[in-house]
Amino acid sequence: MKDKIVIVGGGGHAKVIINTLKKLDNYEILGYTDIMNKGLLIGVNYLGNDEVLSDIIKEHKNCKAAIGIGGVTISYSRQEIYTMLKEIGFGLPVIISKDAAISDEVSIGEGTVILEEAVINVSSDIGKCVIVNNGTVVEHDCIVGDFAHLAPMTRISFGGRIGKNVFIGSGAIIIQNKKVLDNCLIGAGAVVFNDTTIEGIYLGVPALFVILNKKAL
């Protein structure tokens, strides 16, 4: 019998997770929750807002949950939802696309989603509830912190250190052995040649500090 799972969120990333789960075919998707009823989401039913989650876990005691919220900036909503789900009693499985390549001795935290054609190389440590998007490469001996979001085609060179709640935009490159602090945003196409020194937004080639992340203070 397949494990049951509910998707929290009804946007684009939720659809990507649903599509990935359908290809894996190892979960029964009960439905999705959202503040708005968006009808069928790739054939998956709307269950209601997050208030129904407590009833779902009572009815299906071993039900799992996946956070279907992505975004294109630094976001703390996934961390807040993770805490809520754990308090209710949900487990959050690691979801890895059949078309991703995961090397040996890789550690992956609960709730992390690794999508098509992503590569995680040997001896890297991926935190919990991380999004590793399509075509992203995390080279050997890297660390990616909890709730980080690596957008499509990101490149983290060997020994990279990515902090918690970091967003790295599409096509950005982190040069080998460089560190991105917690709560930073690295813009699309940027190249990080030096460690970041302030929690904030970095843009360009080379990536330069632009503005402080006041929410992180």
N, C-alpha and C. Protein backbone atom coordinates (compact mmCIF):
# COMPACT_ATOMS: atom_id res chain seq x y z
N MET A 1 0.84 -1.19 0.00
CA MET A 1 0.00 0.00 0.00
C MET A 1 0.88 1.26 0.00
N LYS A 2 0.52 2.23 -0.83
CA LYS A 2 1.30 3.46 -0.93
C LYS A 2 1.06 4.36 0.27
N ASP A 3 2.11 5.09 0.68
CA ASP A 3 1.94 6.12 1.70
C ASP A 3 1.08 7.25 1.14
N LYS A 4 0.32 7.86 2.02
CA LYS A 4 -0.51 9.01 1.62
C LYS A 4 0.28 10.30 1.86
N ILE A 5 0.00 11.29 1.00
CA ILE A 5 0.70 12.57 1.12
C ILE A 5 -0.25 13.69 0.73
N VAL A 6 -0.09 14.84 1.39
CA VAL A 6 -0.84 16.04 1.06
C VAL A 6 0.14 17.13 0.69
N ILE A 7 -0.24 17.95 -0.28
CA ILE A 7 0.60 19.05 -0.74
C ILE A 7 0.10 20.33 -0.11
N VAL A 8 0.98 21.07 0.54
CA VAL A 8 0.61 22.34 1.17
C VAL A 8 1.01 23.47 0.24
N GLY A 9 0.00 24.12 -0.34
CA GLY A 9 0.24 25.15 -1.35
C GLY A 9 -0.33 24.73 -2.69
N GLY A 10 -0.78 25.72 -3.46
CA GLY A 10 -1.42 25.40 -4.73
C GLY A 10 -0.89 26.19 -5.90
N GLY A 11 0.37 26.61 -5.82
CA GLY A 11 0.97 27.39 -6.89
C GLY A 11 1.80 26.56 -7.85
N GLY A 12 2.72 27.23 -8.53
CA GLY A 12 3.54 26.56 -9.54
C GLY A 12 4.42 25.47 -8.97
N HIS A 13 5.05 25.74 -7.82
CA HIS A 13 5.93 24.72 -7.25
C HIS A 13 5.14 23.50 -6.80
N ALA A 14 3.91 23.74 -6.33
CA ALA A 14 3.05 22.60 -5.96
C ALA A 14 2.80 21.71 -7.16
N LYS A 15 2.57 22.32 -8.31
CA LYS A 15 2.34 21.53 -9.53
C LYS A 15 3.59 20.72 -9.90
N VAL A 16 4.74 21.32 -9.71
CA VAL A 16 5.99 20.61 -10.01
C VAL A 16 6.15 19.40 -9.09
N ILE A 17 5.84 19.58 -7.80
CA ILE A 17 5.95 18.47 -6.87
C ILE A 17 4.95 17.37 -7.21
N ILE A 18 3.72 17.77 -7.54
CA ILE A 18 2.71 16.77 -7.92
C ILE A 18 3.18 15.98 -9.13
N ASN A 19 3.72 16.68 -10.13
CA ASN A 19 4.21 16.00 -11.33
C ASN A 19 5.33 15.03 -10.99
N THR A 20 6.24 15.45 -10.11
CA THR A 20 7.35 14.59 -9.69
C THR A 20 6.84 13.36 -8.96
N LEU A 21 5.89 13.56 -8.04
CA LEU A 21 5.33 12.44 -7.29
C LEU A 21 4.60 11.45 -8.19
N LYS A 22 3.90 11.97 -9.17
CA LYS A 22 3.18 11.07 -10.09
C LYS A 22 4.16 10.19 -10.86
N LYS A 23 5.28 10.75 -11.25
CA LYS A 23 6.28 9.97 -11.96
C LYS A 23 6.92 8.92 -11.06
N LEU A 24 7.12 9.28 -9.78
CA LEU A 24 7.70 8.33 -8.83
C LEU A 24 6.71 7.20 -8.53
N ASP A 25 5.44 7.55 -8.46
CA ASP A 25 4.35 6.59 -8.26
C ASP A 25 4.51 5.79 -6.97
N ASN A 26 4.99 6.44 -5.91
CA ASN A 26 5.10 5.73 -4.64
C ASN A 26 4.30 6.39 -3.52
N TYR A 27 3.46 7.37 -3.88
CA TYR A 27 2.58 8.02 -2.92
C TYR A 27 1.17 8.14 -3.49
N GLU A 28 0.20 8.06 -2.60
CA GLU A 28 -1.18 8.40 -2.95
C GLU A 28 -1.41 9.85 -2.54
N ILE A 29 -1.61 10.73 -3.53
CA ILE A 29 -1.77 12.15 -3.25
C ILE A 29 -3.23 12.41 -2.86
N LEU A 30 -3.44 12.76 -1.60
CA LEU A 30 -4.81 13.00 -1.13
C LEU A 30 -5.38 14.29 -1.69
N GLY A 31 -4.54 15.29 -1.88
CA GLY A 31 -4.99 16.58 -2.39
C GLY A 31 -4.02 17.67 -1.98
N TYR A 32 -4.47 18.90 -2.16
CA TYR A 32 -3.62 20.04 -1.79
C TYR A 32 -4.43 21.04 -0.96
N THR A 33 -3.72 21.80 -0.13
CA THR A 33 -4.35 22.87 0.64
C THR A 33 -3.84 24.22 0.13
N ASP A 34 -4.67 25.22 0.27
CA ASP A 34 -4.30 26.58 -0.14
C ASP A 34 -5.35 27.53 0.42
N ILE A 35 -5.01 28.81 0.48
CA ILE A 35 -6.01 29.78 0.94
C ILE A 35 -7.10 30.00 -0.11
N MET A 36 -6.80 29.60 -1.37
CA MET A 36 -7.77 29.72 -2.45
C MET A 36 -8.01 28.36 -3.10
N ASN A 37 -9.26 28.13 -3.47
CA ASN A 37 -9.59 26.92 -4.22
C ASN A 37 -9.27 27.15 -5.69
N LYS A 38 -8.25 26.48 -6.17
CA LYS A 38 -7.83 26.62 -7.56
C LYS A 38 -8.31 25.47 -8.42
N GLY A 39 -9.30 24.73 -7.89
CA GLY A 39 -9.85 23.60 -8.64
C GLY A 39 -8.85 22.47 -8.71
N LEU A 40 -9.01 21.62 -9.71
CA LEU A 40 -8.07 20.52 -9.88
C LEU A 40 -6.69 21.06 -10.24
N LEU A 41 -5.69 20.53 -9.58
CA LEU A 41 -4.30 20.90 -9.84
C LEU A 41 -3.60 19.67 -10.40
N ILE A 42 -3.47 19.63 -11.72
CA ILE A 42 -2.95 18.45 -12.41
C ILE A 42 -3.68 17.19 -11.92
N GLY A 43 -4.98 17.30 -11.85
CA GLY A 43 -5.80 16.15 -11.46
C GLY A 43 -5.90 15.91 -9.97
N VAL A 44 -5.33 16.81 -9.15
CA VAL A 44 -5.34 16.64 -7.69
C VAL A 44 -6.37 17.58 -7.08
N ASN A 45 -7.17 17.07 -6.16
CA ASN A 45 -8.28 17.81 -5.59
C ASN A 45 -7.85 18.83 -4.54
N TYR A 46 -8.67 19.89 -4.44
CA TYR A 46 -8.51 20.88 -3.37
C TYR A 46 -9.15 20.35 -2.10
N LEU A 47 -8.42 20.46 -0.97
CA LEU A 47 -8.90 19.94 0.31
C LEU A 47 -9.43 21.02 1.24
N GLY A 48 -9.03 22.27 1.00
CA GLY A 48 -9.39 23.37 1.88
C GLY A 48 -8.14 24.14 2.27
N ASN A 49 -8.29 25.07 3.22
CA ASN A 49 -7.11 25.80 3.68
C ASN A 49 -6.35 24.96 4.72
N ASP A 50 -5.32 25.54 5.30
CA ASP A 50 -4.46 24.76 6.19
C ASP A 50 -5.16 24.29 7.46
N GLU A 51 -6.33 24.84 7.75
CA GLU A 51 -7.07 24.41 8.94
C GLU A 51 -7.51 22.95 8.85
N VAL A 52 -7.59 22.39 7.65
CA VAL A 52 -8.04 21.00 7.50
C VAL A 52 -6.92 20.01 7.78
N LEU A 53 -5.69 20.49 7.93
CA LEU A 53 -4.56 19.58 8.07
C LEU A 53 -4.65 18.75 9.35
N SER A 54 -5.13 19.35 10.42
CA SER A 54 -5.27 18.60 11.68
C SER A 54 -6.25 17.45 11.53
N ASP A 55 -7.33 17.68 10.78
CA ASP A 55 -8.31 16.61 10.56
C ASP A 55 -7.72 15.51 9.68
N ILE A 56 -6.89 15.90 8.70
CA ILE A 56 -6.28 14.92 7.80
C ILE A 56 -5.36 13.98 8.57
N ILE A 57 -4.55 14.54 9.48
CA ILE A 57 -3.61 13.68 10.21
C ILE A 57 -4.35 12.79 11.22
N LYS A 58 -5.51 13.23 11.69
CA LYS A 58 -6.32 12.38 12.57
C LYS A 58 -6.90 11.20 11.80
N GLU A 59 -7.31 11.46 10.56
CA GLU A 59 -7.91 10.40 9.75
C GLU A 59 -6.85 9.48 9.15
N HIS A 60 -5.71 10.05 8.79
CA HIS A 60 -4.62 9.28 8.16
C HIS A 60 -3.36 9.50 9.00
N LYS A 61 -3.18 8.70 10.04
CA LYS A 61 -2.17 8.97 11.06
C LYS A 61 -0.74 8.98 10.54
N ASN A 62 -0.46 8.26 9.49
CA ASN A 62 0.90 8.22 8.94
C ASN A 62 1.04 9.04 7.67
N CYS A 63 0.09 9.94 7.45
CA CYS A 63 0.12 10.76 6.24
C CYS A 63 1.36 11.66 6.23
N LYS A 64 1.93 11.84 5.05
CA LYS A 64 3.08 12.72 4.87
C LYS A 64 2.62 14.05 4.27
N ALA A 65 3.50 15.01 4.27
CA ALA A 65 3.20 16.32 3.68
C ALA A 65 4.40 16.80 2.89
N ALA A 66 4.12 17.56 1.83
CA ALA A 66 5.17 18.22 1.04
C ALA A 66 4.82 19.69 0.94
N ILE A 67 5.81 20.54 1.10
CA ILE A 67 5.59 21.98 1.04
C ILE A 67 5.69 22.43 -0.42
N GLY A 68 4.55 22.82 -0.98
CA GLY A 68 4.49 23.18 -2.39
C GLY A 68 4.59 24.67 -2.62
N ILE A 69 5.48 25.33 -1.90
CA ILE A 69 5.66 26.78 -2.01
C ILE A 69 7.10 27.05 -2.36
N GLY A 70 7.32 27.76 -3.46
CA GLY A 70 8.67 28.07 -3.90
C GLY A 70 8.96 29.55 -3.73
N GLY A 71 8.73 30.33 -4.79
CA GLY A 71 8.98 31.77 -4.74
C GLY A 71 10.26 32.15 -5.44
N VAL A 72 10.44 33.46 -5.64
CA VAL A 72 11.62 33.96 -6.36
C VAL A 72 12.36 35.01 -5.54
N THR A 73 12.31 34.85 -4.24
CA THR A 73 13.02 35.76 -3.35
C THR A 73 13.29 35.05 -2.03
N ILE A 74 13.94 35.74 -1.09
CA ILE A 74 14.12 35.18 0.25
C ILE A 74 12.75 35.04 0.88
N SER A 75 12.45 33.87 1.39
CA SER A 75 11.13 33.63 1.97
C SER A 75 11.26 32.81 3.24
N TYR A 76 10.49 33.23 4.25
CA TYR A 76 10.49 32.49 5.51
C TYR A 76 9.22 31.65 5.66
N SER A 77 8.35 31.68 4.65
CA SER A 77 7.08 30.98 4.75
C SER A 77 7.27 29.47 4.80
N ARG A 78 8.24 28.93 4.06
CA ARG A 78 8.45 27.48 4.10
C ARG A 78 8.92 27.03 5.47
N GLN A 79 9.75 27.83 6.12
CA GLN A 79 10.19 27.49 7.47
C GLN A 79 9.01 27.51 8.44
N GLU A 80 8.14 28.50 8.30
CA GLU A 80 6.96 28.60 9.18
C GLU A 80 6.01 27.43 8.94
N ILE A 81 5.82 27.06 7.67
CA ILE A 81 4.93 25.94 7.35
C ILE A 81 5.53 24.63 7.86
N TYR A 82 6.83 24.47 7.71
CA TYR A 82 7.50 23.27 8.23
C TYR A 82 7.24 23.11 9.72
N THR A 83 7.42 24.19 10.47
CA THR A 83 7.19 24.14 11.92
C THR A 83 5.74 23.76 12.22
N MET A 84 4.80 24.35 11.50
CA MET A 84 3.39 24.03 11.69
C MET A 84 3.11 22.56 11.42
N LEU A 85 3.63 22.04 10.32
CA LEU A 85 3.39 20.65 9.95
C LEU A 85 3.96 19.68 10.97
N LYS A 86 5.14 19.97 11.47
CA LYS A 86 5.75 19.10 12.47
C LYS A 86 4.94 19.12 13.77
N GLU A 87 4.43 20.29 14.14
CA GLU A 87 3.64 20.40 15.37
C GLU A 87 2.34 19.60 15.25
N ILE A 88 1.75 19.58 14.03
CA ILE A 88 0.52 18.83 13.81
C ILE A 88 0.79 17.33 13.83
N GLY A 89 1.98 16.94 13.37
CA GLY A 89 2.34 15.52 13.38
C GLY A 89 2.68 14.92 12.03
N PHE A 90 2.86 15.75 11.01
CA PHE A 90 3.20 15.25 9.68
C PHE A 90 4.69 14.94 9.58
N GLY A 91 5.01 13.91 8.82
CA GLY A 91 6.37 13.68 8.36
C GLY A 91 6.54 14.30 7.00
N LEU A 92 7.73 14.77 6.70
CA LEU A 92 8.01 15.38 5.41
C LEU A 92 9.09 14.56 4.70
N PRO A 93 8.71 13.78 3.71
CA PRO A 93 9.69 12.93 3.04
C PRO A 93 10.62 13.72 2.12
N VAL A 94 11.77 13.16 1.88
CA VAL A 94 12.64 13.66 0.81
C VAL A 94 12.03 13.21 -0.52
N ILE A 95 11.90 14.13 -1.45
CA ILE A 95 11.34 13.82 -2.77
C ILE A 95 12.43 14.07 -3.81
N ILE A 96 12.82 13.03 -4.51
CA ILE A 96 13.91 13.11 -5.49
C ILE A 96 13.39 12.62 -6.83
N SER A 97 13.48 13.46 -7.84
CA SER A 97 13.07 13.07 -9.18
C SER A 97 13.84 11.84 -9.65
N LYS A 98 13.16 11.03 -10.43
CA LYS A 98 13.81 9.86 -11.04
C LYS A 98 14.95 10.27 -11.94
N ASP A 99 14.93 11.52 -12.43
CA ASP A 99 15.95 11.98 -13.37
C ASP A 99 17.04 12.81 -12.71
N ALA A 100 17.07 12.85 -11.37
CA ALA A 100 18.16 13.52 -10.67
C ALA A 100 19.30 12.52 -10.43
N ALA A 101 20.51 13.05 -10.24
CA ALA A 101 21.68 12.19 -9.99
C ALA A 101 22.24 12.52 -8.61
N ILE A 102 22.14 11.55 -7.71
CA ILE A 102 22.60 11.73 -6.34
C ILE A 102 23.78 10.78 -6.09
N SER A 103 24.93 11.33 -5.75
CA SER A 103 26.13 10.52 -5.54
C SER A 103 26.12 9.86 -4.16
N ASP A 104 27.14 9.04 -3.92
CA ASP A 104 27.29 8.37 -2.63
C ASP A 104 27.65 9.36 -1.52
N GLU A 105 27.35 8.96 -0.29
CA GLU A 105 27.72 9.72 0.90
C GLU A 105 27.17 11.14 0.87
N VAL A 106 25.96 11.28 0.36
CA VAL A 106 25.27 12.56 0.38
C VAL A 106 24.21 12.53 1.48
N SER A 107 24.17 13.56 2.29
CA SER A 107 23.16 13.68 3.35
C SER A 107 22.08 14.66 2.89
N ILE A 108 20.81 14.24 3.02
CA ILE A 108 19.69 15.08 2.58
C ILE A 108 18.67 15.15 3.70
N GLY A 109 18.31 16.36 4.13
CA GLY A 109 17.39 16.55 5.22
C GLY A 109 15.94 16.37 4.81
N GLU A 110 15.08 16.13 5.80
CA GLU A 110 13.67 15.87 5.54
C GLU A 110 13.01 17.05 4.82
N GLY A 111 12.05 16.72 3.97
CA GLY A 111 11.29 17.73 3.27
C GLY A 111 11.97 18.36 2.08
N THR A 112 13.21 17.95 1.80
CA THR A 112 13.93 18.51 0.65
C THR A 112 13.39 17.92 -0.65
N VAL A 113 13.35 18.76 -1.68
CA VAL A 113 12.86 18.36 -2.99
C VAL A 113 13.98 18.58 -4.01
N ILE A 114 14.33 17.52 -4.74
CA ILE A 114 15.39 17.58 -5.76
C ILE A 114 14.76 17.22 -7.09
N LEU A 115 14.81 18.15 -8.03
CA LEU A 115 14.03 18.02 -9.26
C LEU A 115 14.86 17.49 -10.43
N GLU A 116 14.23 17.42 -11.59
CA GLU A 116 14.81 16.76 -12.76
C GLU A 116 16.16 17.34 -13.15
N GLU A 117 17.08 16.42 -13.47
CA GLU A 117 18.41 16.73 -13.99
C GLU A 117 19.29 17.49 -13.01
N ALA A 118 18.87 17.56 -11.74
CA ALA A 118 19.76 18.11 -10.72
C ALA A 118 20.84 17.09 -10.39
N VAL A 119 22.00 17.59 -9.98
CA VAL A 119 23.13 16.73 -9.61
C VAL A 119 23.62 17.13 -8.22
N ILE A 120 23.70 16.16 -7.32
CA ILE A 120 24.30 16.37 -6.01
C ILE A 120 25.52 15.45 -5.94
N ASN A 121 26.70 16.03 -5.89
CA ASN A 121 27.91 15.22 -5.96
C ASN A 121 28.35 14.74 -4.58
N VAL A 122 29.33 13.88 -4.58
CA VAL A 122 29.71 13.08 -3.42
C VAL A 122 30.07 13.95 -2.21
N SER A 123 29.69 13.46 -1.02
CA SER A 123 30.06 14.05 0.27
C SER A 123 29.49 15.45 0.49
N SER A 124 28.36 15.75 -0.14
CA SER A 124 27.69 17.02 0.11
C SER A 124 26.57 16.83 1.12
N ASP A 125 26.23 17.91 1.80
CA ASP A 125 25.23 17.90 2.88
C ASP A 125 24.14 18.90 2.53
N ILE A 126 22.94 18.38 2.26
CA ILE A 126 21.81 19.22 1.91
C ILE A 126 20.86 19.25 3.10
N GLY A 127 20.50 20.43 3.57
CA GLY A 127 19.67 20.58 4.76
C GLY A 127 18.22 20.20 4.54
N LYS A 128 17.38 20.55 5.48
CA LYS A 128 15.97 20.20 5.40
C LYS A 128 15.18 21.26 4.64
N CYS A 129 14.16 20.78 3.93
CA CYS A 129 13.24 21.64 3.17
C CYS A 129 13.97 22.54 2.18
N VAL A 130 15.01 22.02 1.58
CA VAL A 130 15.73 22.71 0.51
C VAL A 130 15.05 22.40 -0.82
N ILE A 131 15.01 23.38 -1.71
CA ILE A 131 14.58 23.15 -3.09
C ILE A 131 15.81 23.16 -3.97
N VAL A 132 16.08 22.04 -4.63
CA VAL A 132 17.17 21.95 -5.62
C VAL A 132 16.47 21.81 -6.96
N ASN A 133 16.43 22.90 -7.69
CA ASN A 133 15.59 22.96 -8.88
C ASN A 133 16.25 22.31 -10.10
N ASN A 134 15.47 22.30 -11.18
CA ASN A 134 15.87 21.61 -12.41
C ASN A 134 17.25 22.04 -12.90
N GLY A 135 18.09 21.05 -13.16
CA GLY A 135 19.38 21.32 -13.79
C GLY A 135 20.43 21.92 -12.88
N THR A 136 20.14 22.05 -11.60
CA THR A 136 21.11 22.62 -10.67
C THR A 136 22.19 21.59 -10.34
N VAL A 137 23.42 22.08 -10.16
CA VAL A 137 24.54 21.21 -9.80
C VAL A 137 25.13 21.67 -8.47
N VAL A 138 25.16 20.75 -7.52
CA VAL A 138 25.86 20.98 -6.25
C VAL A 138 27.06 20.04 -6.26
N GLU A 139 28.24 20.60 -6.36
CA GLU A 139 29.44 19.79 -6.50
C GLU A 139 29.85 19.14 -5.17
N HIS A 140 30.94 18.39 -5.22
CA HIS A 140 31.34 17.60 -4.05
C HIS A 140 31.71 18.48 -2.86
N ASP A 141 31.45 17.95 -1.67
CA ASP A 141 31.87 18.56 -0.40
C ASP A 141 31.23 19.93 -0.16
N CYS A 142 30.00 20.09 -0.62
CA CYS A 142 29.27 21.33 -0.37
C CYS A 142 28.32 21.17 0.81
N ILE A 143 27.94 22.29 1.39
CA ILE A 143 26.90 22.33 2.42
C ILE A 143 25.84 23.34 1.98
N VAL A 144 24.58 22.89 1.99
CA VAL A 144 23.46 23.77 1.67
C VAL A 144 22.54 23.79 2.89
N GLY A 145 22.30 24.97 3.45
CA GLY A 145 21.55 25.10 4.69
C GLY A 145 20.06 24.89 4.55
N ASP A 146 19.40 24.70 5.68
CA ASP A 146 17.96 24.48 5.73
C ASP A 146 17.21 25.61 5.01
N PHE A 147 16.16 25.23 4.30
CA PHE A 147 15.21 26.14 3.66
C PHE A 147 15.82 26.99 2.54
N ALA A 148 17.00 26.61 2.08
CA ALA A 148 17.57 27.28 0.92
C ALA A 148 16.79 26.90 -0.33
N HIS A 149 16.82 27.77 -1.32
CA HIS A 149 16.15 27.54 -2.60
C HIS A 149 17.16 27.81 -3.71
N LEU A 150 17.54 26.76 -4.41
CA LEU A 150 18.47 26.87 -5.53
C LEU A 150 17.65 26.81 -6.81
N ALA A 151 17.52 27.94 -7.49
CA ALA A 151 16.70 28.04 -8.69
C ALA A 151 17.33 27.25 -9.84
N PRO A 152 16.60 27.09 -10.96
CA PRO A 152 17.11 26.26 -12.06
C PRO A 152 18.49 26.70 -12.55
N MET A 153 19.31 25.69 -12.84
CA MET A 153 20.63 25.85 -13.45
C MET A 153 21.65 26.56 -12.56
N THR A 154 21.40 26.57 -11.26
CA THR A 154 22.40 27.09 -10.31
C THR A 154 23.62 26.17 -10.29
N ARG A 155 24.79 26.76 -10.06
CA ARG A 155 26.02 25.98 -9.96
C ARG A 155 26.72 26.32 -8.65
N ILE A 156 26.84 25.32 -7.77
CA ILE A 156 27.59 25.48 -6.53
C ILE A 156 28.88 24.67 -6.69
N SER A 157 30.00 25.35 -6.84
CA SER A 157 31.27 24.66 -7.07
C SER A 157 31.75 23.99 -5.77
N PHE A 158 32.74 23.10 -5.91
CA PHE A 158 33.12 22.25 -4.79
C PHE A 158 33.47 23.06 -3.55
N GLY A 159 33.06 22.53 -2.41
CA GLY A 159 33.36 23.18 -1.14
C GLY A 159 32.52 24.40 -0.82
N GLY A 160 31.49 24.67 -1.63
CA GLY A 160 30.64 25.83 -1.38
C GLY A 160 29.85 25.68 -0.08
N ARG A 161 29.59 26.80 0.58
CA ARG A 161 28.84 26.81 1.83
C ARG A 161 27.66 27.78 1.67
N ILE A 162 26.47 27.21 1.61
CA ILE A 162 25.26 28.01 1.41
C ILE A 162 24.48 28.01 2.72
N GLY A 163 24.16 29.19 3.24
CA GLY A 163 23.50 29.29 4.54
C GLY A 163 22.02 28.98 4.50
N LYS A 164 21.36 29.17 5.62
CA LYS A 164 19.93 28.93 5.76
C LYS A 164 19.13 30.08 5.12
N ASN A 165 17.95 29.73 4.61
CA ASN A 165 17.03 30.71 4.04
C ASN A 165 17.67 31.54 2.93
N VAL A 166 18.55 30.91 2.17
CA VAL A 166 19.19 31.58 1.04
C VAL A 166 18.41 31.30 -0.24
N PHE A 167 18.26 32.32 -1.08
CA PHE A 167 17.71 32.13 -2.42
C PHE A 167 18.81 32.43 -3.43
N ILE A 168 19.08 31.47 -4.32
CA ILE A 168 20.07 31.66 -5.38
C ILE A 168 19.34 31.60 -6.71
N GLY A 169 19.39 32.70 -7.46
CA GLY A 169 18.63 32.83 -8.69
C GLY A 169 19.15 31.97 -9.83
N SER A 170 18.32 31.84 -10.84
CA SER A 170 18.62 30.97 -11.99
C SER A 170 19.96 31.31 -12.62
N GLY A 171 20.75 30.28 -12.84
CA GLY A 171 22.01 30.44 -13.56
C GLY A 171 23.13 31.06 -12.75
N ALA A 172 22.92 31.34 -11.48
CA ALA A 172 23.99 31.92 -10.66
C ALA A 172 25.06 30.87 -10.37
N ILE A 173 26.27 31.34 -10.14
CA ILE A 173 27.41 30.46 -9.88
C ILE A 173 28.09 30.87 -8.58
N ILE A 174 28.32 29.90 -7.74
CA ILE A 174 29.12 30.12 -6.51
C ILE A 174 30.47 29.44 -6.74
N ILE A 175 31.52 30.24 -6.77
CA ILE A 175 32.86 29.72 -7.04
C ILE A 175 33.31 28.82 -5.88
N GLN A 176 34.23 27.92 -6.17
CA GLN A 176 34.65 26.91 -5.21
C GLN A 176 35.09 27.50 -3.87
N ASN A 177 34.65 26.81 -2.80
CA ASN A 177 35.03 27.13 -1.42
C ASN A 177 34.54 28.49 -0.93
N LYS A 178 33.55 29.06 -1.59
CA LYS A 178 33.02 30.35 -1.15
C LYS A 178 31.78 30.15 -0.29
N LYS A 179 31.51 31.13 0.57
CA LYS A 179 30.43 31.03 1.56
C LYS A 179 29.39 32.10 1.32
N VAL A 180 28.11 31.67 1.30
CA VAL A 180 26.98 32.59 1.25
C VAL A 180 26.30 32.54 2.60
N LEU A 181 26.24 33.68 3.27
CA LEU A 181 25.66 33.74 4.61
C LEU A 181 24.17 33.43 4.60
N ASP A 182 23.63 33.13 5.79
CA ASP A 182 22.19 32.97 5.94
C ASP A 182 21.45 34.20 5.41
N ASN A 183 20.22 33.98 4.94
CA ASN A 183 19.29 35.07 4.60
C ASN A 183 19.78 35.97 3.47
N CYS A 184 20.57 35.40 2.56
CA CYS A 184 21.03 36.16 1.40
C CYS A 184 20.25 35.80 0.15
N LEU A 185 20.18 36.74 -0.76
CA LEU A 185 19.66 36.50 -2.11
C LEU A 185 20.77 36.77 -3.10
N ILE A 186 21.05 35.78 -3.94
CA ILE A 186 22.03 35.93 -5.03
C ILE A 186 21.23 36.00 -6.33
N GLY A 187 21.34 37.10 -7.03
CA GLY A 187 20.51 37.33 -8.21
C GLY A 187 20.81 36.37 -9.35
N ALA A 188 19.84 36.25 -10.25
CA ALA A 188 19.99 35.38 -11.42
C ALA A 188 21.22 35.79 -12.22
N GLY A 189 22.02 34.80 -12.60
CA GLY A 189 23.20 35.03 -13.42
C GLY A 189 24.40 35.61 -12.69
N ALA A 190 24.28 35.87 -11.41
CA ALA A 190 25.39 36.43 -10.64
C ALA A 190 26.50 35.38 -10.45
N VAL A 191 27.71 35.87 -10.22
CA VAL A 191 28.84 34.98 -9.93
C VAL A 191 29.48 35.44 -8.62
N VAL A 192 29.46 34.55 -7.64
CA VAL A 192 30.01 34.87 -6.32
C VAL A 192 31.47 34.42 -6.28
N PHE A 193 32.39 35.41 -6.37
CA PHE A 193 33.82 35.14 -6.34
C PHE A 193 34.39 35.22 -4.93
N ASN A 194 33.66 35.90 -4.03
CA ASN A 194 34.14 36.10 -2.66
C ASN A 194 33.03 35.76 -1.67
N ASP A 195 33.43 35.41 -0.45
CA ASP A 195 32.44 35.16 0.59
C ASP A 195 31.55 36.39 0.76
N THR A 196 30.25 36.16 0.98
CA THR A 196 29.39 37.28 1.34
C THR A 196 29.70 37.67 2.79
N THR A 197 29.56 38.96 3.08
CA THR A 197 29.95 39.47 4.40
C THR A 197 28.79 40.08 5.17
N ILE A 198 27.67 40.33 4.48
CA ILE A 198 26.48 40.92 5.09
C ILE A 198 25.28 40.15 4.58
N GLU A 199 24.30 39.91 5.44
CA GLU A 199 23.07 39.25 5.02
C GLU A 199 22.24 40.23 4.18
N GLY A 200 22.09 39.92 2.89
CA GLY A 200 21.37 40.83 2.02
C GLY A 200 21.33 40.33 0.60
N ILE A 201 21.16 41.27 -0.34
CA ILE A 201 21.00 40.95 -1.76
C ILE A 201 22.30 41.27 -2.50
N TYR A 202 22.71 40.31 -3.34
CA TYR A 202 23.93 40.45 -4.13
C TYR A 202 23.60 40.24 -5.60
N LEU A 203 24.07 41.14 -6.45
CA LEU A 203 23.76 41.06 -7.88
C LEU A 203 25.02 41.28 -8.71
N GLY A 204 25.01 40.71 -9.92
CA GLY A 204 26.02 41.02 -10.92
C GLY A 204 27.19 40.07 -10.98
N VAL A 205 28.15 40.44 -11.86
CA VAL A 205 29.37 39.67 -12.07
C VAL A 205 30.55 40.64 -11.98
N PRO A 206 31.33 40.60 -10.92
CA PRO A 206 31.17 39.72 -9.75
C PRO A 206 29.97 40.16 -8.93
N ALA A 207 29.43 39.24 -8.11
CA ALA A 207 28.28 39.55 -7.27
C ALA A 207 28.67 40.58 -6.21
N LEU A 208 27.95 41.69 -6.17
CA LEU A 208 28.23 42.76 -5.21
C LEU A 208 27.01 43.00 -4.32
N PHE A 209 27.28 43.39 -3.08
CA PHE A 209 26.21 43.70 -2.13
C PHE A 209 25.41 44.90 -2.62
N VAL A 210 24.07 44.78 -2.56
CA VAL A 210 23.19 45.85 -3.04
C VAL A 210 22.36 46.45 -1.92
N ILE A 211 21.72 45.57 -1.13
CA ILE A 211 20.81 46.08 -0.10
C ILE A 211 20.76 45.09 1.06
N LEU A 212 20.56 45.62 2.26
CA LEU A 212 20.49 44.81 3.47
C LEU A 212 19.18 44.06 3.53
N ASN A 213 19.22 42.83 4.04
CA ASN A 213 18.01 42.06 4.32
C ASN A 213 17.55 42.43 5.74
N LYS A 214 16.68 43.43 5.84
CA LYS A 214 16.28 43.96 7.15
C LYS A 214 15.53 42.93 7.98
N LYS A 215 14.82 42.00 7.30
CA LYS A 215 14.04 41.01 8.04
C LYS A 215 14.94 40.05 8.81
N ALA A 216 16.18 39.94 8.36
CA ALA A 216 17.11 39.01 9.01
C ALA A 216 17.72 39.60 10.29
N LEU A 217 17.52 40.90 10.51
CA LEU A 217 18.14 41.54 11.68
C LEU A 217 17.45 41.14 12.97
